[in-house]
C-alpha atoms as a PDB file:
ATOM      1  CA  MET A   1     101.546  81.346 119.051  1.00  0.00           C
ATOM      2  CA  ILE A   2     101.798  83.851 116.248  1.00  0.00           C
ATOM      3  CA  THR A   3      98.615  82.526 114.644  1.00  0.00           C
ATOM      4  CA  THR A   4      96.775  82.954 117.928  1.00  0.00           C
ATOM      5  CA  PHE A   5      98.020  86.495 118.195  1.00  0.00           C
ATOM      6  CA  ILE A   6      96.989  87.350 114.631  1.00  0.00           C
ATOM      7  CA  SER A   7      93.611  85.657 114.874  1.00  0.00           C
ATOM      8  CA  SER A   8      92.780  87.607 118.049  1.00  0.00           C
ATOM      9  CA  PHE A   9      92.707  90.889 116.076  1.00  0.00           C
ATOM     10  CA  GLU A  10      89.309  92.247 115.191  1.00  0.00           C
ATOM     11  CA  ILE A  11      88.286  94.808 112.648  1.00  0.00           C
ATOM     12  CA  SER A  12      88.222  97.601 115.333  1.00  0.00           C
ATOM     13  CA  ASN A  13      91.768  96.778 116.361  1.00  0.00           C
ATOM     14  CA  ILE A  14      92.997  96.900 112.828  1.00  0.00           C
ATOM     15  CA  LEU A  15      91.223 100.250 112.185  1.00  0.00           C
ATOM     16  CA  SER A  16      92.777 101.644 115.352  1.00  0.00           C
ATOM     17  CA  LEU A  17      96.242 100.556 114.227  1.00  0.00           C
ATOM     18  CA  LEU A  18      95.648 102.156 110.802  1.00  0.00           C
ATOM     19  CA  ILE A  19      94.938 105.454 112.573  1.00  0.00           C
ATOM     20  CA  ILE A  20      97.665 105.301 115.177  1.00  0.00           C
ATOM     21  CA  PHE A  21     100.582 104.383 112.851  1.00  0.00           C
ATOM     22  CA  PRO A  22     100.337 107.473 110.600  1.00  0.00           C
ATOM     23  CA  ILE A  23      99.964 109.708 113.656  1.00  0.00           C
ATOM     24  CA  VAL A  24     103.079 108.201 115.261  1.00  0.00           C
ATOM     25  CA  TYR A  25     105.041 108.405 111.962  1.00  0.00           C
ATOM     26  CA  ILE A  26     104.151 112.061 111.374  1.00  0.00           C
ATOM     27  CA  THR A  27     104.883 112.968 114.992  1.00  0.00           C
ATOM     28  CA  ARG A  28     108.274 111.312 114.747  1.00  0.00           C
ATOM     29  CA  PHE A  29     109.036 112.987 111.394  1.00  0.00           C
ATOM     30  CA  TYR A  30     108.396 116.457 112.833  1.00  0.00           C
ATOM     31  CA  TYR A  31     110.251 115.748 116.018  1.00  0.00           C
ATOM     32  CA  HIS A  32     113.358 114.716 114.084  1.00  0.00           C
ATOM     33  CA  HIS A  33     112.905 117.737 111.725  1.00  0.00           C
ATOM     34  CA  PHE A  34     112.868 120.256 114.506  1.00  0.00           C
ATOM     35  CA  THR A  35     115.609 118.655 116.692  1.00  0.00           C
ATOM     36  CA  ARG A  36     118.220 118.031 114.005  1.00  0.00           C
ATOM     37  CA  PRO A  37     121.678 119.657 114.665  1.00  0.00           C
ATOM     38  CA  ASN A  38     121.913 121.396 111.277  1.00  0.00           C
ATOM     39  CA  PRO A  39     118.393 122.521 110.244  1.00  0.00           C
ATOM     40  CA  LEU A  40     117.748 122.325 106.518  1.00  0.00           C
ATOM     41  CA  PRO A  41     116.937 125.677 104.927  1.00  0.00           C
ATOM     42  CA  GLY A  42     113.657 125.954 103.104  1.00  0.00           C
ATOM     43  CA  PRO A  43     109.958 125.846 103.769  1.00  0.00           C
ATOM     44  CA  PHE A  44     108.209 124.006 106.519  1.00  0.00           C
ATOM     45  CA  PRO A  45     107.450 120.383 105.254  1.00  0.00           C
ATOM     46  CA  LEU A  46     103.781 119.527 105.062  1.00  0.00           C
ATOM     47  CA  PRO A  47     103.590 115.923 103.737  1.00  0.00           C
ATOM     48  CA  ILE A  48      99.841 115.435 104.230  1.00  0.00           C
ATOM     49  CA  LEU A  49      98.874 118.657 102.504  1.00  0.00           C
ATOM     50  CA  MET A  50     101.299 118.066  99.658  1.00  0.00           C
ATOM     51  CA  ILE A  51      99.881 114.554  98.971  1.00  0.00           C
ATOM     52  CA  GLY A  52      96.436 116.127  98.657  1.00  0.00           C
ATOM     53  CA  TYR A  53      97.794 118.950  96.431  1.00  0.00           C
ATOM     54  CA  TYR A  54      99.548 116.515  94.047  1.00  0.00           C
ATOM     55  CA  ARG A  55      96.445 114.347  93.759  1.00  0.00           C
ATOM     56  CA  TYR A  56      94.325 117.389  93.049  1.00  0.00           C
ATOM     57  CA  ILE A  57      96.759 118.623  90.344  1.00  0.00           C
ATOM     58  CA  LYS A  58      97.008 115.152  88.847  1.00  0.00           C
ATOM     59  CA  ASN A  59      93.230 114.925  88.477  1.00  0.00           C
ATOM     60  CA  MET A  60      92.938 118.269  86.609  1.00  0.00           C
END
């Protein structure tokens, strides 16, 4: 049964999942960040921008 389920996936389904999972993860992250009982002090977290920034700095 599991092999039938896995073999039914096509490339377009896998690409859709690769796009949907990060969006869901980031949405969940910010939801939990803004609804926590004791907000953390500090700047607004921007994980996607920081990843790009660190890669840019690393390549310099």
